[in-house]
Amino acid sequence: NRSLVRKRAKILSPFDNLIIQRKRMQDLFG
């Protein structure tokens, strides 16, 4: 129900918690 800030870009670390599981990123983010 909350809004997501979509206009701002973020440069992520290869070890960022979001992307540490590579298969998950492929499944959810393609």
Full PDB file with SEQRES, HELIX, SHEET, SSBOND, CRYST1, ORIGX, SCALE, CONECT and MASTER records, all heavy atoms in Angstrom:
SEQRES   1 A   30  ASN ARG SER LEU VAL ARG LYS ARG ALA LYS ILE LEU SER          
SEQRES   2 A   30  PRO PHE ASP ASN LEU ILE ILE GLN ARG LYS ARG MET GLN          
SEQRES   3 A   30  ASP LEU PHE GLY                                              
HELIX    1 AA1 ARG A   22  PHE A   29  1                                   8    
CRYST1    1.000    1.000    1.000  90.00  90.00  90.00 P 1           1          
ORIGX1      1.000000  0.000000  0.000000        0.00000                         
ORIGX2      0.000000  1.000000  0.000000        0.00000                         
ORIGX3      0.000000  0.000000  1.000000        0.00000                         
SCALE1      1.000000  0.000000  0.000000        0.00000                         
SCALE2      0.000000  1.000000  0.000000        0.00000                         
SCALE3      0.000000  0.000000  1.000000        0.00000                         
ATOM      1  N   ASN A   1       0.817  -1.216   0.000  1.00  0.00           N  
ATOM      2  CA  ASN A   1       0.000   0.000   0.000  1.00  0.00           C  
ATOM      3  C   ASN A   1       0.853   1.269   0.000  1.00  0.00           C  
ATOM      4  O   ASN A   1       0.325   2.370  -0.148  1.00  0.00           O  
ATOM      5  CB  ASN A   1      -0.931   0.007   1.216  1.00  0.00           C  
ATOM      6  CG  ASN A   1      -1.923  -1.141   1.189  1.00  0.00           C  
ATOM      7  OD1 ASN A   1      -2.436  -1.500   0.129  1.00  0.00           O  
ATOM      8  ND2 ASN A   1      -2.183  -1.742   2.348  1.00  0.00           N  
ATOM      9  N   ARG A   2       2.160   1.113   0.192  1.00  0.00           N  
ATOM     10  CA  ARG A   2       3.057   2.261   0.180  1.00  0.00           C  
ATOM     11  C   ARG A   2       3.596   2.507  -1.225  1.00  0.00           C  
ATOM     12  O   ARG A   2       3.564   1.624  -2.083  1.00  0.00           O  
ATOM     13  CB  ARG A   2       4.234   2.034   1.141  1.00  0.00           C  
ATOM     14  CG  ARG A   2       3.835   1.860   2.594  1.00  0.00           C  
ATOM     15  CD  ARG A   2       5.077   1.788   3.457  1.00  0.00           C  
ATOM     16  NE  ARG A   2       4.759   1.433   4.836  1.00  0.00           N  
ATOM     17  CZ  ARG A   2       5.671   1.266   5.788  1.00  0.00           C  
ATOM     18  NH1 ARG A   2       6.964   1.423   5.506  1.00  0.00           N  
ATOM     19  NH2 ARG A   2       5.304   0.935   7.014  1.00  0.00           N  
ATOM     20  N   SER A   3       4.110   3.692  -1.434  1.00  0.00           N  
ATOM     21  CA  SER A   3       4.690   4.012  -2.744  1.00  0.00           C  
ATOM     22  C   SER A   3       6.174   3.646  -2.752  1.00  0.00           C  
ATOM     23  O   SER A   3       6.848   3.709  -1.723  1.00  0.00           O  
ATOM     24  CB  SER A   3       4.514   5.494  -3.066  1.00  0.00           C  
ATOM     25  OG  SER A   3       5.142   6.293  -2.082  1.00  0.00           O  
ATOM     26  N   LEU A   4       6.653   3.271  -3.900  1.00  0.00           N  
ATOM     27  CA  LEU A   4       8.067   2.953  -4.110  1.00  0.00           C  
ATOM     28  C   LEU A   4       8.697   4.085  -4.913  1.00  0.00           C  
ATOM     29  O   LEU A   4       8.159   4.504  -5.936  1.00  0.00           O  
ATOM     30  CB  LEU A   4       8.207   1.636  -4.866  1.00  0.00           C  
ATOM     31  CG  LEU A   4       9.623   1.203  -5.246  1.00  0.00           C  
ATOM     32  CD1 LEU A   4      10.421   0.831  -4.000  1.00  0.00           C  
ATOM     33  CD2 LEU A   4       9.587   0.010  -6.214  1.00  0.00           C  
ATOM     34  N   VAL A   5       9.843   4.571  -4.439  1.00  0.00           N  
ATOM     35  CA  VAL A   5      10.555   5.617  -5.167  1.00  0.00           C  
ATOM     36  C   VAL A   5      11.153   4.994  -6.428  1.00  0.00           C  
ATOM     37  O   VAL A   5      12.072   4.180  -6.352  1.00  0.00           O  
ATOM     38  CB  VAL A   5      11.665   6.248  -4.304  1.00  0.00           C  
ATOM     39  CG1 VAL A   5      12.418   7.301  -5.108  1.00  0.00           C  
ATOM     40  CG2 VAL A   5      11.077   6.859  -3.041  1.00  0.00           C  
ATOM     41  N   ARG A   6      10.617   5.369  -7.564  1.00  0.00           N  
ATOM     42  CA  ARG A   6      11.052   4.758  -8.822  1.00  0.00           C  
ATOM     43  C   ARG A   6      11.982   5.659  -9.632  1.00  0.00           C  
ATOM     44  O   ARG A   6      12.691   5.189 -10.516  1.00  0.00           O  
ATOM     45  CB  ARG A   6       9.832   4.386  -9.680  1.00  0.00           C  
ATOM     46  CG  ARG A   6       8.967   3.319  -9.027  1.00  0.00           C  
ATOM     47  CD  ARG A   6       7.786   2.922  -9.901  1.00  0.00           C  
ATOM     48  NE  ARG A   6       7.015   1.856  -9.275  1.00  0.00           N  
ATOM     49  CZ  ARG A   6       7.318   0.564  -9.372  1.00  0.00           C  
ATOM     50  NH1 ARG A   6       8.360   0.183 -10.095  1.00  0.00           N  
ATOM     51  NH2 ARG A   6       6.578  -0.337  -8.772  1.00  0.00           N  
ATOM     52  N   LYS A   7      11.973   6.952  -9.335  1.00  0.00           N  
ATOM     53  CA  LYS A   7      12.756   7.888 -10.147  1.00  0.00           C  
ATOM     54  C   LYS A   7      14.241   7.840  -9.833  1.00  0.00           C  
ATOM     55  O   LYS A   7      15.067   8.210 -10.664  1.00  0.00           O  
ATOM     56  CB  LYS A   7      12.232   9.306  -9.942  1.00  0.00           C  
ATOM     57  CG  LYS A   7      10.840   9.539 -10.502  1.00  0.00           C  
ATOM     58  CD  LYS A   7      10.400  10.977 -10.308  1.00  0.00           C  
ATOM     59  CE  LYS A   7       9.016  11.222 -10.893  1.00  0.00           C  
ATOM     60  NZ  LYS A   7       8.582  12.630 -10.707  1.00  0.00           N  
ATOM     61  N   ARG A   8      14.582   7.394  -8.616  1.00  0.00           N  
ATOM     62  CA  ARG A   8      15.983   7.429  -8.214  1.00  0.00           C  
ATOM     63  C   ARG A   8      16.692   6.127  -8.568  1.00  0.00           C  
ATOM     64  O   ARG A   8      16.151   5.038  -8.376  1.00  0.00           O  
ATOM     65  CB  ARG A   8      16.090   7.672  -6.706  1.00  0.00           C  
ATOM     66  CG  ARG A   8      17.518   7.805  -6.247  1.00  0.00           C  
ATOM     67  CD  ARG A   8      17.641   8.221  -4.805  1.00  0.00           C  
ATOM     68  NE  ARG A   8      19.044   8.302  -4.418  1.00  0.00           N  
ATOM     69  CZ  ARG A   8      19.460   8.559  -3.195  1.00  0.00           C  
ATOM     70  NH1 ARG A   8      18.581   8.762  -2.219  1.00  0.00           N  
ATOM     71  NH2 ARG A   8      20.753   8.624  -2.913  1.00  0.00           N  
ATOM     72  N   ALA A   9      17.886   6.221  -9.093  1.00  0.00           N  
ATOM     73  CA  ALA A   9      18.717   5.053  -9.381  1.00  0.00           C  
ATOM     74  C   ALA A   9      19.600   4.752  -8.170  1.00  0.00           C  
ATOM     75  O   ALA A   9      19.934   5.654  -7.394  1.00  0.00           O  
ATOM     76  CB  ALA A   9      19.583   5.302 -10.613  1.00  0.00           C  
ATOM     77  N   LYS A  10      19.970   3.489  -8.010  1.00  0.00           N  
ATOM     78  CA  LYS A  10      20.924   3.085  -6.975  1.00  0.00           C  
ATOM     79  C   LYS A  10      21.941   2.137  -7.596  1.00  0.00           C  
ATOM     80  O   LYS A  10      21.586   1.177  -8.291  1.00  0.00           O  
ATOM     81  CB  LYS A  10      20.233   2.393  -5.802  1.00  0.00           C  
ATOM     82  CG  LYS A  10      19.333   3.279  -4.953  1.00  0.00           C  
ATOM     83  CD  LYS A  10      20.032   4.496  -4.391  1.00  0.00           C  
ATOM     84  CE  LYS A  10      21.122   4.185  -3.405  1.00  0.00           C  
ATOM     85  NZ  LYS A  10      21.762   5.432  -2.871  1.00  0.00           N  
ATOM     86  N   ILE A  11      23.207   2.422  -7.344  1.00  0.00           N  
ATOM     87  CA  ILE A  11      24.307   1.583  -7.807  1.00  0.00           C  
ATOM     88  C   ILE A  11      24.643   0.624  -6.664  1.00  0.00           C  
ATOM     89  O   ILE A  11      25.037   1.055  -5.581  1.00  0.00           O  
ATOM     90  CB  ILE A  11      25.529   2.443  -8.172  1.00  0.00           C  
ATOM     91  CG1 ILE A  11      25.145   3.468  -9.250  1.00  0.00           C  
ATOM     92  CG2 ILE A  11      26.681   1.562  -8.649  1.00  0.00           C  
ATOM     93  CD1 ILE A  11      26.174   4.577  -9.440  1.00  0.00           C  
ATOM     94  N   LEU A  12      24.462  -0.668  -6.886  1.00  0.00           N  
ATOM     95  CA  LEU A  12      24.526  -1.649  -5.807  1.00  0.00           C  
ATOM     96  C   LEU A  12      25.870  -2.365  -5.743  1.00  0.00           C  
ATOM     97  O   LEU A  12      26.528  -2.579  -6.768  1.00  0.00           O  
ATOM     98  CB  LEU A  12      23.420  -2.691  -5.983  1.00  0.00           C  
ATOM     99  CG  LEU A  12      21.983  -2.166  -6.043  1.00  0.00           C  
ATOM    100  CD1 LEU A  12      21.017  -3.319  -6.290  1.00  0.00           C  
ATOM    101  CD2 LEU A  12      21.620  -1.418  -4.775  1.00  0.00           C  
ATOM    102  N   SER A  13      26.244  -2.754  -4.551  1.00  0.00           N  
ATOM    103  CA  SER A  13      27.419  -3.602  -4.365  1.00  0.00           C  
ATOM    104  C   SER A  13      27.115  -5.026  -4.837  1.00  0.00           C  
ATOM    105  O   SER A  13      25.978  -5.495  -4.699  1.00  0.00           O  
ATOM    106  CB  SER A  13      27.802  -3.644  -2.881  1.00  0.00           C  
ATOM    107  OG  SER A  13      28.698  -4.717  -2.616  1.00  0.00           O  
ATOM    108  N   PRO A  14      28.110  -5.739  -5.371  1.00  0.00           N  
ATOM    109  CA  PRO A  14      27.893  -7.158  -5.702  1.00  0.00           C  
ATOM    110  C   PRO A  14      27.507  -7.995  -4.488  1.00  0.00           C  
ATOM    111  O   PRO A  14      26.946  -9.079  -4.639  1.00  0.00           O  
ATOM    112  CB  PRO A  14      29.256  -7.595  -6.255  1.00  0.00           C  
ATOM    113  CG  PRO A  14      29.895  -6.335  -6.730  1.00  0.00           C  
ATOM    114  CD  PRO A  14      29.446  -5.276  -5.767  1.00  0.00           C  
ATOM    115  N   PHE A  15      27.817  -7.487  -3.279  1.00  0.00           N  
ATOM    116  CA  PHE A  15      27.517  -8.226  -2.052  1.00  0.00           C  
ATOM    117  C   PHE A  15      26.324  -7.621  -1.304  1.00  0.00           C  
ATOM    118  O   PHE A  15      26.100  -7.929  -0.130  1.00  0.00           O  
ATOM    119  CB  PHE A  15      28.756  -8.254  -1.149  1.00  0.00           C  
ATOM    120  CG  PHE A  15      29.959  -8.840  -1.834  1.00  0.00           C  
ATOM    121  CD1 PHE A  15      30.985  -8.033  -2.305  1.00  0.00           C  
ATOM    122  CD2 PHE A  15      30.065 -10.203  -2.043  1.00  0.00           C  
ATOM    123  CE1 PHE A  15      32.088  -8.554  -2.958  1.00  0.00           C  
ATOM    124  CE2 PHE A  15      31.166 -10.756  -2.692  1.00  0.00           C  
ATOM    125  CZ  PHE A  15      32.177  -9.928  -3.148  1.00  0.00           C  
ATOM    126  N   ASP A  16      25.570  -6.771  -1.978  1.00  0.00           N  
ATOM    127  CA  ASP A  16      24.380  -6.183  -1.368  1.00  0.00           C  
ATOM    128  C   ASP A  16      23.388  -7.287  -1.003  1.00  0.00           C  
ATOM    129  O   ASP A  16      23.220  -8.269  -1.728  1.00  0.00           O  
ATOM    130  CB  ASP A  16      23.725  -5.199  -2.336  1.00  0.00           C  
ATOM    131  CG  ASP A  16      22.678  -4.341  -1.660  1.00  0.00           C  
ATOM    132  OD1 ASP A  16      21.547  -4.834  -1.431  1.00  0.00           O  
ATOM    133  OD2 ASP A  16      22.983  -3.186  -1.335  1.00  0.00           O  
ATOM    134  N   ASN A  17      22.699  -7.094   0.128  1.00  0.00           N  
ATOM    135  CA  ASN A  17      21.733  -8.093   0.594  1.00  0.00           C  
ATOM    136  C   ASN A  17      20.654  -8.379  -0.443  1.00  0.00           C  
ATOM    137  O   ASN A  17      20.138  -9.503  -0.508  1.00  0.00           O  
ATOM    138  CB  ASN A  17      21.083  -7.614   1.890  1.00  0.00           C  
ATOM    139  CG  ASN A  17      22.089  -7.402   3.004  1.00  0.00           C  
ATOM    140  OD1 ASN A  17      23.110  -6.738   2.816  1.00  0.00           O  
ATOM    141  ND2 ASN A  17      21.825  -7.949   4.182  1.00  0.00           N  
ATOM    142  N   LEU A  18      20.308  -7.388  -1.253  1.00  0.00           N  
ATOM    143  CA  LEU A  18      19.268  -7.591  -2.260  1.00  0.00           C  
ATOM    144  C   LEU A  18      19.655  -8.652  -3.269  1.00  0.00           C  
ATOM    145  O   LEU A  18      18.815  -9.466  -3.672  1.00  0.00           O  
ATOM    146  CB  LEU A  18      18.977  -6.275  -2.994  1.00  0.00           C  
ATOM    147  CG  LEU A  18      18.005  -6.384  -4.181  1.00  0.00           C  
ATOM    148  CD1 LEU A  18      16.592  -6.706  -3.698  1.00  0.00           C  
ATOM    149  CD2 LEU A  18      18.015  -5.113  -5.021  1.00  0.00           C  
ATOM    150  N   ILE A  19      20.906  -8.664  -3.698  1.00  0.00           N  
ATOM    151  CA  ILE A  19      21.271  -9.467  -4.867  1.00  0.00           C  
ATOM    152  C   ILE A  19      22.195 -10.636  -4.556  1.00  0.00           C  
ATOM    153  O   ILE A  19      22.663 -11.307  -5.460  1.00  0.00           O  
ATOM    154  CB  ILE A  19      21.930  -8.585  -5.953  1.00  0.00           C  
ATOM    155  CG1 ILE A  19      23.224  -7.966  -5.426  1.00  0.00           C  
ATOM    156  CG2 ILE A  19      20.973  -7.521  -6.436  1.00  0.00           C  
ATOM    157  CD1 ILE A  19      24.049  -7.348  -6.518  1.00  0.00           C  
ATOM    158  N   ILE A  20      22.454 -10.902  -3.275  1.00  0.00           N  
ATOM    159  CA  ILE A  20      23.458 -11.907  -2.929  1.00  0.00           C  
ATOM    160  C   ILE A  20      23.066 -13.302  -3.415  1.00  0.00           C  
ATOM    161  O   ILE A  20      23.930 -14.126  -3.725  1.00  0.00           O  
ATOM    162  CB  ILE A  20      23.743 -11.893  -1.406  1.00  0.00           C  
ATOM    163  CG1 ILE A  20      25.057 -12.629  -1.109  1.00  0.00           C  
ATOM    164  CG2 ILE A  20      22.580 -12.469  -0.617  1.00  0.00           C  
ATOM    165  CD1 ILE A  20      26.287 -11.974  -1.712  1.00  0.00           C  
ATOM    166  N   GLN A  21      21.763 -13.578  -3.508  1.00  0.00           N  
ATOM    167  CA  GLN A  21      21.325 -14.869  -4.039  1.00  0.00           C  
ATOM    168  C   GLN A  21      20.970 -14.681  -5.518  1.00  0.00           C  
ATOM    169  O   GLN A  21      19.923 -14.156  -5.861  1.00  0.00           O  
ATOM    170  CB  GLN A  21      20.137 -15.405  -3.240  1.00  0.00           C  
ATOM    171  CG  GLN A  21      20.496 -15.715  -1.787  1.00  0.00           C  
ATOM    172  CD  GLN A  21      19.461 -16.574  -1.099  1.00  0.00           C  
ATOM    173  OE1 GLN A  21      18.954 -17.546  -1.665  1.00  0.00           O  
ATOM    174  NE2 GLN A  21      19.149 -16.243   0.149  1.00  0.00           N  
ATOM    175  N   ARG A  22      21.859 -15.130  -6.383  1.00  0.00           N  
ATOM    176  CA  ARG A  22      21.758 -14.809  -7.811  1.00  0.00           C  
ATOM    177  C   ARG A  22      20.542 -15.456  -8.477  1.00  0.00           C  
ATOM    178  O   ARG A  22      19.903 -14.842  -9.332  1.00  0.00           O  
ATOM    179  CB  ARG A  22      23.033 -15.240  -8.538  1.00  0.00           C  
ATOM    180  CG  ARG A  22      24.355 -14.853  -7.880  1.00  0.00           C  
ATOM    181  CD  ARG A  22      24.492 -13.367  -7.609  1.00  0.00           C  
ATOM    182  NE  ARG A  22      25.875 -13.046  -7.276  1.00  0.00           N  
ATOM    183  CZ  ARG A  22      26.259 -12.008  -6.564  1.00  0.00           C  
ATOM    184  NH1 ARG A  22      25.357 -11.170  -6.076  1.00  0.00           N  
ATOM    185  NH2 ARG A  22      27.533 -11.774  -6.320  1.00  0.00           N  
ATOM    186  N   LYS A  23      20.220 -16.696  -8.106  1.00  0.00           N  
ATOM    187  CA  LYS A  23      19.064 -17.357  -8.722  1.00  0.00           C  
ATOM    188  C   LYS A  23      17.775 -16.612  -8.375  1.00  0.00           C  
ATOM    189  O   LYS A  23      16.872 -16.467  -9.207  1.00  0.00           O  
ATOM    190  CB  LYS A  23      18.964 -18.808  -8.256  1.00  0.00           C  
ATOM    191  CG  LYS A  23      17.809 -19.577  -8.892  1.00  0.00           C  
ATOM    192  CD  LYS A  23      17.751 -21.008  -8.402  1.00  0.00           C  
ATOM    193  CE  LYS A  23      16.592 -21.756  -9.081  1.00  0.00           C  
ATOM    194  NZ  LYS A  23      15.278 -21.153  -8.794  1.00  0.00           N  
ATOM    195  N   ARG A  24      17.679 -16.123  -7.147  1.00  0.00           N  
ATOM    196  CA  ARG A  24      16.508 -15.349  -6.727  1.00  0.00           C  
ATOM    197  C   ARG A  24      16.357 -14.098  -7.579  1.00  0.00           C  
ATOM    198  O   ARG A  24      15.249 -13.746  -7.995  1.00  0.00           O  
ATOM    199  CB  ARG A  24      16.663 -14.995  -5.247  1.00  0.00           C  
ATOM    200  CG  ARG A  24      15.601 -14.047  -4.683  1.00  0.00           C  
ATOM    201  CD  ARG A  24      15.894 -13.790  -3.205  1.00  0.00           C  
ATOM    202  NE  ARG A  24      15.101 -12.702  -2.669  1.00  0.00           N  
ATOM    203  CZ  ARG A  24      13.881 -12.830  -2.148  1.00  0.00           C  
ATOM    204  NH1 ARG A  24      13.307 -14.012  -2.127  1.00  0.00           N  
ATOM    205  NH2 ARG A  24      13.246 -11.780  -1.653  1.00  0.00           N  
ATOM    206  N   MET A  25      17.475 -13.438  -7.869  1.00  0.00           N  
ATOM    207  CA  MET A  25      17.418 -12.229  -8.696  1.00  0.00           C  
ATOM    208  C   MET A  25      16.968 -12.549 -10.120  1.00  0.00           C  
ATOM    209  O   MET A  25      16.259 -11.759 -10.748  1.00  0.00           O  
ATOM    210  CB  MET A  25      18.782 -11.542  -8.719  1.00  0.00           C  
ATOM    211  CG  MET A  25      19.111 -10.780  -7.462  1.00  0.00           C  
ATOM    212  SD  MET A  25      17.891  -9.478  -7.058  1.00  0.00           S  
ATOM    213  CE  MET A  25      16.809 -10.349  -5.900  1.00  0.00           C  
ATOM    214  N   GLN A  26      17.364 -13.704 -10.591  1.00  0.00           N  
ATOM    215  CA  GLN A  26      16.933 -14.089 -11.932  1.00  0.00           C  
ATOM    216  C   GLN A  26      15.440 -14.404 -11.944  1.00  0.00           C  
ATOM    217  O   GLN A  26      14.715 -14.020 -12.870  1.00  0.00           O  
ATOM    218  CB  GLN A  26      17.739 -15.298 -12.418  1.00  0.00           C  
ATOM    219  CG  GLN A  26      17.606 -15.556 -13.902  1.00  0.00           C  
ATOM    220  CD  GLN A  26      18.715 -16.426 -14.454  1.00  0.00           C  
ATOM    221  OE1 GLN A  26      19.598 -16.863 -13.723  1.00  0.00           O  
ATOM    222  NE2 GLN A  26      18.680 -16.680 -15.739  1.00  0.00           N  
ATOM    223  N   ASP A  27      14.960 -15.082 -10.896  1.00  0.00           N  
ATOM    224  CA  ASP A  27      13.543 -15.441 -10.817  1.00  0.00           C  
ATOM    225  C   ASP A  27      12.645 -14.213 -10.668  1.00  0.00           C  
ATOM    226  O   ASP A  27      11.611 -14.105 -11.327  1.00  0.00           O  
ATOM    227  CB  ASP A  27      13.299 -16.388  -9.633  1.00  0.00           C  
ATOM    228  CG  ASP A  27      13.887 -17.769  -9.859  1.00  0.00           C  
ATOM    229  OD1 ASP A  27      14.182 -18.108 -11.024  1.00  0.00           O  
ATOM    230  OD2 ASP A  27      14.052 -18.509  -8.871  1.00  0.00           O  
ATOM    231  N   LEU A  28      13.028 -13.292  -9.777  1.00  0.00           N  
ATOM    232  CA  LEU A  28      12.160 -12.168  -9.446  1.00  0.00           C  
ATOM    233  C   LEU A  28      12.396 -10.929 -10.308  1.00  0.00           C  
ATOM    234  O   LEU A  28      11.470 -10.169 -10.570  1.00  0.00           O  
ATOM    235  CB  LEU A  28      12.327 -11.797  -7.963  1.00  0.00           C  
ATOM    236  CG  LEU A  28      11.813 -12.825  -6.954  1.00  0.00           C  
ATOM    237  CD1 LEU A  28      12.186 -12.415  -5.540  1.00  0.00           C  
ATOM    238  CD2 LEU A  28      10.299 -13.000  -7.064  1.00  0.00           C  
ATOM    239  N   PHE A  29      13.637 -10.714 -10.723  1.00  0.00           N  
ATOM    240  CA  PHE A  29      13.977  -9.496 -11.468  1.00  0.00           C  
ATOM    241  C   PHE A  29      14.395  -9.768 -12.909  1.00  0.00           C  
ATOM    242  O   PHE A  29      14.652  -8.839 -13.665  1.00  0.00           O  
ATOM    243  CB  PHE A  29      15.094  -8.741 -10.751  1.00  0.00           C  
ATOM    244  CG  PHE A  29      14.657  -8.030  -9.495  1.00  0.00           C  
ATOM    245  CD1 PHE A  29      14.491  -8.717  -8.308  1.00  0.00           C  
ATOM    246  CD2 PHE A  29      14.399  -6.662  -9.499  1.00  0.00           C  
ATOM    247  CE1 PHE A  29      14.083  -8.076  -7.141  1.00  0.00           C  
ATOM    248  CE2 PHE A  29      13.993  -6.007  -8.343  1.00  0.00           C  
ATOM    249  CZ  PHE A  29      13.825  -6.716  -7.164  1.00  0.00           C  
ATOM    250  N   GLY A  30      14.496 -11.053 -13.262  1.00  0.00           N  
ATOM    251  CA  GLY A  30      14.934 -11.387 -14.618  1.00  0.00           C  
ATOM    252  C   GLY A  30      16.335 -10.887 -14.909  1.00  0.00           C  
ATOM    253  O   GLY A  30      16.668 -10.566 -16.056  1.00  0.00           O  
TER     254      GLY A  30                                                      
MASTER        0    0    0    1    0    0    0    6  253    1    0    3          
END                                                                             
